[in-house]
Amino acid sequence: MSTRRGFVCAGCWTLDRIKVIDAWPAEEELARITATDRQGGGSAHNVAIDIRRLDDTMPVEAIGLLGADADGDFLYQTSTEAGVDSHQLHRTAEAETSYTDVMTVGHSGKRTFFHHAGANDLLNPDHFEFASTRAKVLHLGLLGVHHLLDEPWRNEPSGWVAVLKAAQAAGLQTNIEMVSIEPARNRHLCLPCLPYLDTLIVNDHEIGALANIHTIENGETLPERCKEAAHKIIGEGAMQLVVAHYPGGALCVTRDGQSYHADALKIDPDTIKSTVGAGDAFAAGMLYALHENWAIDKAMSLAHAAAATSLRSHTTVGSVETVDQCLALAASQSTN
């Protein structure tokens, strides 16, 4: 029986410079900034902190590349204070720490991102060391926003593939996180990774891009198309399951052909501060539950509840609650 426990959250570490605005302006018009904040961001950061917030006994390790600057100091300090093992958060003087300007419209919670890759573009497979970890799961991302990892690496189609192969060789289970970029680019980067994945947790846009199936029409998600896309993609990789989440719910298909569906929790719109980080919170909840060998139905309940609690903050990780609190939230809705 495996004694492995915990997570390695690797790849995208960035500083989110959050600005809440009264409305999205047209070109050459002015919008008023009503609040500001800063918080760590990026898939690796968000999932790492979310898992620690869900369960502060769960070991979490970080791998990434930060600049030798104040933003890098901030990310390193906040991650360490959250209990994340940050000894593989490398530093470089060759580029500044990655940052994203996150513009959040106050009345809707919708957000727009302006991203500067910075040090993330210099991250490469040589920064990843798995020989000493006793973690069980690698969560890796974001494909499409890391220059060297997106490019061919030695004899591999990309640095992502090289990292995933090294992780599996070291005994880790693997999961990747995508970003909603141009569909053909997503297919080019992600499809070669599928043979080296144990799970895939993505959103409705991303699963459609991978399968080349239109899963969203007129701004509305088509769950049956998402299910069709998930079945197609699981057949093209080694994953034991594929999960696709969307604003109204989520679905999961497994290698043995079973499928599951769960509606999202109903949230009072007045309590929603921002949707930023909700997808990462969902992934954190799902990965945590799978790590603990929970049934898929229970895993999806935790994932939805983690995402729901994340909506209460303008930041990516500021309001995610514990596993017990999340399960209690999910249970309260199931009894109403």
Protein backbone atom coordinates (compact mmCIF):
# COMPACT_ATOMS: atom_id res chain seq x y z
CA MET A 1 0.00 0.00 0.00
CA SER A 2 1.34 3.41 -0.98
CA THR A 3 2.51 5.66 1.84
CA ARG A 4 2.49 8.72 -0.38
CA ARG A 5 0.48 11.69 0.82
CA GLY A 6 0.14 15.26 -0.31
CA PHE A 7 0.46 17.43 -3.39
CA VAL A 8 3.07 19.10 -5.52
CA CYS A 9 1.53 22.24 -7.07
CA ALA A 10 3.80 23.34 -9.88
CA GLY A 11 4.04 25.81 -12.72
CA CYS A 12 2.23 29.13 -12.68
CA TRP A 13 2.93 31.40 -9.71
CA THR A 14 1.97 35.01 -10.29
CA LEU A 15 0.93 38.09 -8.37
CA ASP A 16 -2.66 39.20 -8.93
CA ARG A 17 -3.07 42.96 -8.76
CA ILE A 18 -6.81 43.16 -8.22
CA LYS A 19 -8.81 46.25 -9.11
CA VAL A 20 -12.56 46.40 -8.59
CA ILE A 21 -14.14 48.77 -11.11
CA ASP A 22 -17.61 50.27 -11.38
CA ALA A 23 -18.07 49.32 -15.06
CA TRP A 24 -16.05 48.10 -18.02
CA PRO A 25 -15.21 51.19 -20.11
CA ALA A 26 -15.20 51.58 -23.86
CA GLU A 27 -11.90 52.62 -25.45
CA GLU A 28 -10.79 56.07 -24.31
CA GLU A 29 -13.45 56.15 -21.58
CA LEU A 30 -12.82 56.17 -17.83
CA ALA A 31 -13.81 53.59 -15.25
CA ARG A 32 -13.62 54.23 -11.51
CA ILE A 33 -11.54 51.89 -9.34
CA THR A 34 -13.55 51.28 -6.17
CA ALA A 35 -11.20 48.86 -4.38
CA THR A 36 -7.77 47.34 -4.78
CA ASP A 37 -6.01 44.31 -3.39
CA ARG A 38 -3.13 42.01 -4.16
CA GLN A 39 -2.93 38.27 -3.79
CA GLY A 40 -1.01 35.36 -5.12
CA GLY A 41 -2.43 33.88 -8.28
CA GLY A 42 -1.80 31.33 -10.96
CA SER A 43 -2.97 27.72 -11.00
CA ALA A 44 -0.17 26.29 -8.87
CA HIS A 45 -0.46 29.00 -6.22
CA ASN A 46 -4.24 28.90 -6.05
CA VAL A 47 -4.61 25.14 -5.77
CA ALA A 48 -1.76 24.93 -3.26
CA ILE A 49 -3.30 27.51 -0.93
CA ASP A 50 -6.84 26.18 -1.44
CA ILE A 51 -5.81 22.67 -0.43
CA ARG A 52 -4.11 24.02 2.68
CA ARG A 53 -7.28 25.98 3.51
CA LEU A 54 -9.38 22.85 3.01
CA ASP A 55 -7.10 20.80 5.28
CA ASP A 56 -4.14 22.31 7.07
CA THR A 57 -2.72 18.85 7.79
CA MET A 58 -2.33 18.04 4.09
CA PRO A 59 1.30 18.37 2.87
CA VAL A 60 1.64 20.69 -0.10
CA GLU A 61 4.85 21.50 -1.97
CA ALA A 62 5.44 24.26 -4.50
CA ILE A 63 7.51 24.37 -7.68
CA GLY A 64 7.84 27.58 -9.67
CA LEU A 65 10.09 30.46 -10.65
CA LEU A 66 9.88 33.92 -9.09
CA GLY A 67 11.79 37.10 -9.74
CA ALA A 68 14.36 38.42 -7.27
CA ASP A 69 12.03 41.29 -6.39
CA ALA A 70 9.41 42.44 -3.88
CA ASP A 71 6.59 40.60 -5.66
CA GLY A 72 8.60 37.40 -5.46
CA ASP A 73 9.24 38.03 -1.76
CA PHE A 74 5.49 38.47 -1.24
CA LEU A 75 4.59 35.21 -2.98
CA TYR A 76 7.30 33.26 -1.18
CA GLN A 77 6.29 34.67 2.21
CA THR A 78 2.54 34.19 1.84
CA SER A 79 2.97 30.64 0.55
CA THR A 80 5.30 29.73 3.39
CA GLU A 81 2.94 31.28 5.94
CA ALA A 82 0.15 29.12 4.52
CA GLY A 83 2.20 26.03 5.30
CA VAL A 84 3.33 25.29 1.75
CA ASP A 85 6.81 23.79 1.39
CA SER A 86 8.35 26.46 -0.82
CA HIS A 87 11.95 25.29 -1.14
CA GLN A 88 11.43 24.74 -4.89
CA LEU A 89 10.09 28.23 -5.49
CA HIS A 90 13.23 29.22 -7.34
CA ARG A 91 14.36 32.83 -7.81
CA THR A 92 15.91 34.55 -10.82
CA ALA A 93 17.39 37.98 -11.46
CA GLU A 94 16.79 37.64 -15.21
CA ALA A 95 13.10 38.58 -15.13
CA GLU A 96 10.57 40.13 -12.76
CA THR A 97 7.94 38.06 -11.00
CA SER A 98 4.95 37.29 -13.18
CA TYR A 99 1.91 39.44 -12.51
CA THR A 100 -1.67 39.77 -13.70
CA ASP A 101 -3.83 42.86 -13.55
CA VAL A 102 -7.29 41.51 -12.66
CA MET A 103 -10.10 43.91 -13.48
CA THR A 104 -13.28 42.88 -11.66
CA VAL A 105 -16.59 44.60 -12.41
CA GLY A 106 -18.11 45.15 -8.99
CA HIS A 107 -21.79 44.53 -9.75
CA SER A 108 -21.28 41.30 -11.72
CA GLY A 109 -18.05 39.78 -10.43
CA LYS A 110 -16.89 39.23 -14.01
CA ARG A 111 -13.18 39.68 -14.49
CA THR A 112 -10.70 40.45 -17.27
CA PHE A 113 -6.99 39.64 -17.10
CA PHE A 114 -3.91 41.48 -18.36
CA HIS A 115 -1.00 39.10 -17.88
CA HIS A 116 2.77 39.68 -17.84
CA ALA A 117 4.59 36.34 -17.94
CA GLY A 118 7.90 37.56 -16.53
CA ALA A 119 9.86 34.81 -14.78
CA ASN A 120 7.26 32.20 -15.72
CA ASP A 121 8.59 32.32 -19.28
CA LEU A 122 11.97 31.10 -17.99
CA LEU A 123 10.61 28.12 -16.05
CA ASN A 124 11.79 24.85 -17.61
CA PRO A 125 11.88 21.13 -16.73
CA ASP A 126 15.27 21.46 -15.06
CA HIS A 127 13.58 23.43 -12.25
CA PHE A 128 11.45 20.38 -11.30
CA GLU A 129 12.89 17.84 -8.86
CA PHE A 130 10.70 14.91 -7.84
CA ALA A 131 13.19 12.38 -6.44
CA SER A 132 12.84 13.53 -2.83
CA THR A 133 9.08 14.12 -2.62
CA ARG A 134 6.69 11.74 -0.89
CA ALA A 135 3.67 13.55 -2.32
CA LYS A 136 0.98 11.57 -4.10
CA VAL A 137 -0.28 14.02 -6.73
CA LEU A 138 1.27 16.57 -9.09
CA HIS A 139 -0.98 19.43 -10.16
CA LEU A 140 0.69 21.22 -13.11
CA GLY A 141 -0.21 24.32 -15.12
CA LEU A 142 -0.79 26.58 -16.94
CA LEU A 143 -0.30 25.31 -20.48
CA GLY A 144 -0.08 28.23 -22.87
CA VAL A 145 1.49 30.92 -20.65
CA HIS A 146 5.03 29.57 -20.06
CA HIS A 147 7.31 30.11 -23.04
CA LEU A 148 9.95 27.44 -22.42
CA LEU A 149 7.52 24.82 -21.13
CA ASP A 150 5.26 25.41 -24.14
CA GLU A 151 8.15 24.78 -26.54
CA PRO A 152 9.76 21.45 -27.49
CA TRP A 153 12.21 20.29 -24.84
CA ARG A 154 15.09 18.06 -25.89
CA ASN A 155 13.39 14.98 -27.34
CA GLU A 156 9.91 15.79 -26.03
CA PRO A 157 7.12 17.71 -27.79
CA SER A 158 7.04 20.21 -24.91
CA GLY A 159 8.45 20.90 -21.50
CA TRP A 160 5.07 19.92 -20.06
CA VAL A 161 5.41 16.39 -21.41
CA ALA A 162 8.95 16.17 -20.02
CA VAL A 163 7.75 17.22 -16.56
CA LEU A 164 4.77 14.84 -16.55
CA LYS A 165 6.93 11.88 -17.61
CA ALA A 166 9.46 12.66 -14.88
CA ALA A 167 6.70 12.95 -12.28
CA GLN A 168 5.13 9.63 -13.20
CA ALA A 169 8.54 7.96 -13.22
CA ALA A 170 8.98 9.22 -9.64
CA GLY A 171 5.65 7.66 -8.59
CA LEU A 172 3.36 10.69 -8.70
CA GLN A 173 -0.17 10.79 -10.07
CA THR A 174 -0.60 13.69 -12.49
CA ASN A 175 -3.17 16.34 -13.33
CA ILE A 176 -2.82 19.42 -15.54
CA GLU A 177 -4.62 22.73 -15.64
CA MET A 178 -5.37 24.56 -18.85
CA VAL A 179 -6.26 28.14 -19.63
CA SER A 180 -8.93 29.34 -22.02
CA ILE A 181 -6.75 30.34 -24.97
CA GLU A 182 -7.26 29.84 -28.71
CA PRO A 183 -8.66 26.28 -29.18
CA ALA A 184 -6.11 25.10 -31.74
CA ARG A 185 -3.29 26.24 -29.45
CA ASN A 186 -4.85 24.38 -26.54
CA ARG A 187 -5.08 21.19 -28.60
CA HIS A 188 -1.48 21.55 -29.76
CA LEU A 189 -0.20 21.85 -26.18
CA CYS A 190 -2.52 19.53 -24.29
CA LEU A 191 -3.12 16.51 -26.52
CA PRO A 192 0.51 15.28 -26.28
CA CYS A 193 0.14 15.38 -22.47
CA LEU A 194 -2.87 13.06 -22.31
CA PRO A 195 -0.88 9.77 -22.26
CA TYR A 196 0.89 11.00 -19.11
CA LEU A 197 -2.15 12.06 -17.06
CA ASP A 198 -4.09 10.26 -14.35
CA THR A 199 -6.85 12.87 -14.19
CA LEU A 200 -7.98 15.89 -16.20
CA ILE A 201 -10.10 18.62 -14.61
CA VAL A 202 -11.06 21.45 -17.00
CA ASN A 203 -13.89 23.84 -17.76
CA ASP A 204 -16.53 23.77 -20.46
CA HIS A 205 -14.53 25.94 -22.86
CA GLU A 206 -11.38 23.85 -22.47
CA ILE A 207 -12.98 20.42 -22.88
CA GLY A 208 -14.67 21.68 -26.03
CA ALA A 209 -11.40 23.03 -27.37
CA LEU A 210 -9.63 19.71 -26.77
CA ALA A 211 -12.34 17.62 -28.41
CA ASN A 212 -13.03 20.17 -31.17
CA ILE A 213 -16.69 20.17 -30.14
CA HIS A 214 -18.75 23.34 -29.62
CA THR A 215 -19.73 23.11 -25.95
CA ILE A 216 -20.92 26.71 -25.60
CA GLU A 217 -23.46 28.43 -27.82
CA ASN A 218 -24.76 31.98 -27.41
CA GLY A 219 -22.96 32.17 -24.09
CA GLU A 220 -24.72 29.10 -22.68
CA THR A 221 -22.99 25.83 -21.78
CA LEU A 222 -24.37 22.68 -23.40
CA PRO A 223 -23.80 19.92 -20.81
CA GLU A 224 -24.49 17.06 -23.24
CA ARG A 225 -21.82 18.42 -25.58
CA CYS A 226 -19.42 18.64 -22.62
CA LYS A 227 -20.19 15.00 -21.82
CA GLU A 228 -19.60 14.00 -25.44
CA ALA A 229 -16.30 15.89 -25.44
CA ALA A 230 -15.19 14.31 -22.15
CA HIS A 231 -15.89 10.81 -23.45
CA LYS A 232 -13.92 11.58 -26.60
CA ILE A 233 -10.91 12.93 -24.70
CA ILE A 234 -10.73 10.12 -22.14
CA GLY A 235 -10.41 7.76 -25.09
CA GLU A 236 -7.36 9.67 -26.33
CA GLY A 237 -5.37 9.55 -23.11
CA ALA A 238 -4.52 7.47 -20.07
CA MET A 239 -6.74 9.34 -17.60
CA GLN A 240 -8.85 7.40 -15.14
CA LEU A 241 -11.40 10.22 -15.19
CA VAL A 242 -12.16 13.52 -16.89
CA VAL A 243 -14.11 16.28 -15.16
CA ALA A 244 -15.63 19.30 -16.89
CA HIS A 245 -17.11 22.09 -14.78
CA TYR A 246 -19.24 25.02 -15.86
CA PRO A 247 -21.25 27.75 -14.10
CA GLY A 248 -24.31 25.56 -13.53
CA GLY A 249 -22.69 22.27 -12.63
CA ALA A 250 -20.09 19.67 -13.48
CA LEU A 251 -19.83 16.24 -15.04
CA CYS A 252 -17.36 13.41 -14.72
CA VAL A 253 -16.69 10.47 -17.03
CA THR A 254 -14.54 7.52 -16.04
CA ARG A 255 -12.40 5.09 -18.01
CA ASP A 256 -14.91 2.29 -17.47
CA GLY A 257 -17.59 4.38 -19.23
CA GLN A 258 -19.55 5.64 -16.24
CA SER A 259 -20.71 9.23 -16.06
CA TYR A 260 -21.75 11.48 -13.18
CA HIS A 261 -23.38 14.90 -12.94
CA ALA A 262 -23.78 17.38 -10.09
CA ASP A 263 -25.45 20.78 -10.11
CA ALA A 264 -23.55 23.75 -8.72
CA LEU A 265 -24.65 25.08 -5.34
CA LYS A 266 -27.19 27.88 -5.32
CA ILE A 267 -25.50 31.06 -4.12
CA ASP A 268 -27.10 34.32 -3.03
CA PRO A 269 -25.91 36.80 -5.69
CA ASP A 270 -25.44 39.45 -3.02
CA THR A 271 -22.69 37.38 -1.40
CA ILE A 272 -20.63 37.04 -4.61
CA LYS A 273 -17.59 39.31 -4.61
CA SER A 274 -15.76 37.77 -7.60
CA THR A 275 -15.61 34.57 -9.63
CA VAL A 276 -11.80 34.80 -9.82
CA GLY A 277 -10.27 31.57 -8.53
CA ALA A 278 -13.52 29.58 -8.49
CA GLY A 279 -12.26 27.09 -11.08
CA ASP A 280 -9.09 26.53 -9.08
CA ALA A 281 -11.12 26.03 -5.89
CA PHE A 282 -13.26 23.45 -7.70
CA ALA A 283 -10.12 21.65 -8.87
CA ALA A 284 -8.63 21.76 -5.37
CA GLY A 285 -11.76 20.22 -3.87
CA MET A 286 -11.92 17.52 -6.52
CA LEU A 287 -8.24 16.66 -6.26
CA TYR A 288 -8.40 16.57 -2.47
CA ALA A 289 -11.33 14.16 -2.53
CA LEU A 290 -9.69 11.92 -5.12
CA HIS A 291 -6.50 11.94 -3.05
CA GLU A 292 -8.60 10.66 -0.13
CA ASN A 293 -10.27 8.00 -2.34
CA TRP A 294 -13.76 9.41 -1.90
CA ALA A 295 -16.66 8.36 -4.10
CA ILE A 296 -17.05 10.59 -7.14
CA ASP A 297 -20.44 11.95 -6.04
CA LYS A 298 -18.96 13.13 -2.74
CA ALA A 299 -15.88 14.48 -4.51
CA MET A 300 -18.05 16.61 -6.79
CA SER A 301 -20.01 17.92 -3.81
CA LEU A 302 -16.81 19.06 -2.12
CA ALA A 303 -15.54 20.61 -5.36
CA HIS A 304 -18.74 22.61 -5.87
CA ALA A 305 -18.78 23.73 -2.24
CA ALA A 306 -15.14 24.84 -2.34
CA ALA A 307 -15.90 26.85 -5.47
CA ALA A 308 -18.97 28.37 -3.82
CA THR A 309 -17.02 29.54 -0.77
CA SER A 310 -14.36 31.07 -3.02
CA LEU A 311 -16.92 33.48 -4.47
CA ARG A 312 -17.07 35.44 -1.21
CA SER A 313 -13.75 37.21 -1.78
CA HIS A 314 -12.30 39.47 -4.47
CA THR A 315 -9.08 37.45 -4.21
CA THR A 316 -8.33 33.98 -5.55
CA VAL A 317 -8.05 32.16 -2.23
CA GLY A 318 -9.30 34.53 0.44
CA SER A 319 -12.55 32.79 1.41
CA VAL A 320 -12.16 29.06 0.72
CA GLU A 321 -13.28 27.17 3.82
CA THR A 322 -12.34 23.85 5.44
CA VAL A 323 -13.44 20.45 4.17
CA ASP A 324 -15.96 20.10 7.02
CA GLN A 325 -17.39 23.57 6.41
CA CYS A 326 -17.65 22.92 2.68
CA LEU A 327 -19.41 19.59 3.20
CA ALA A 328 -21.80 21.22 5.66
CA LEU A 329 -22.62 23.87 3.05
CA ALA A 330 -23.31 21.20 0.45
CA ALA A 331 -25.44 19.21 2.90
CA SER A 332 -27.50 22.28 3.82
CA GLN A 333 -28.56 22.66 0.21
CA SER A 334 -29.35 18.99 -0.27
CA THR A 335 -31.83 19.14 2.63
CA ASN A 336 -33.58 22.32 1.45
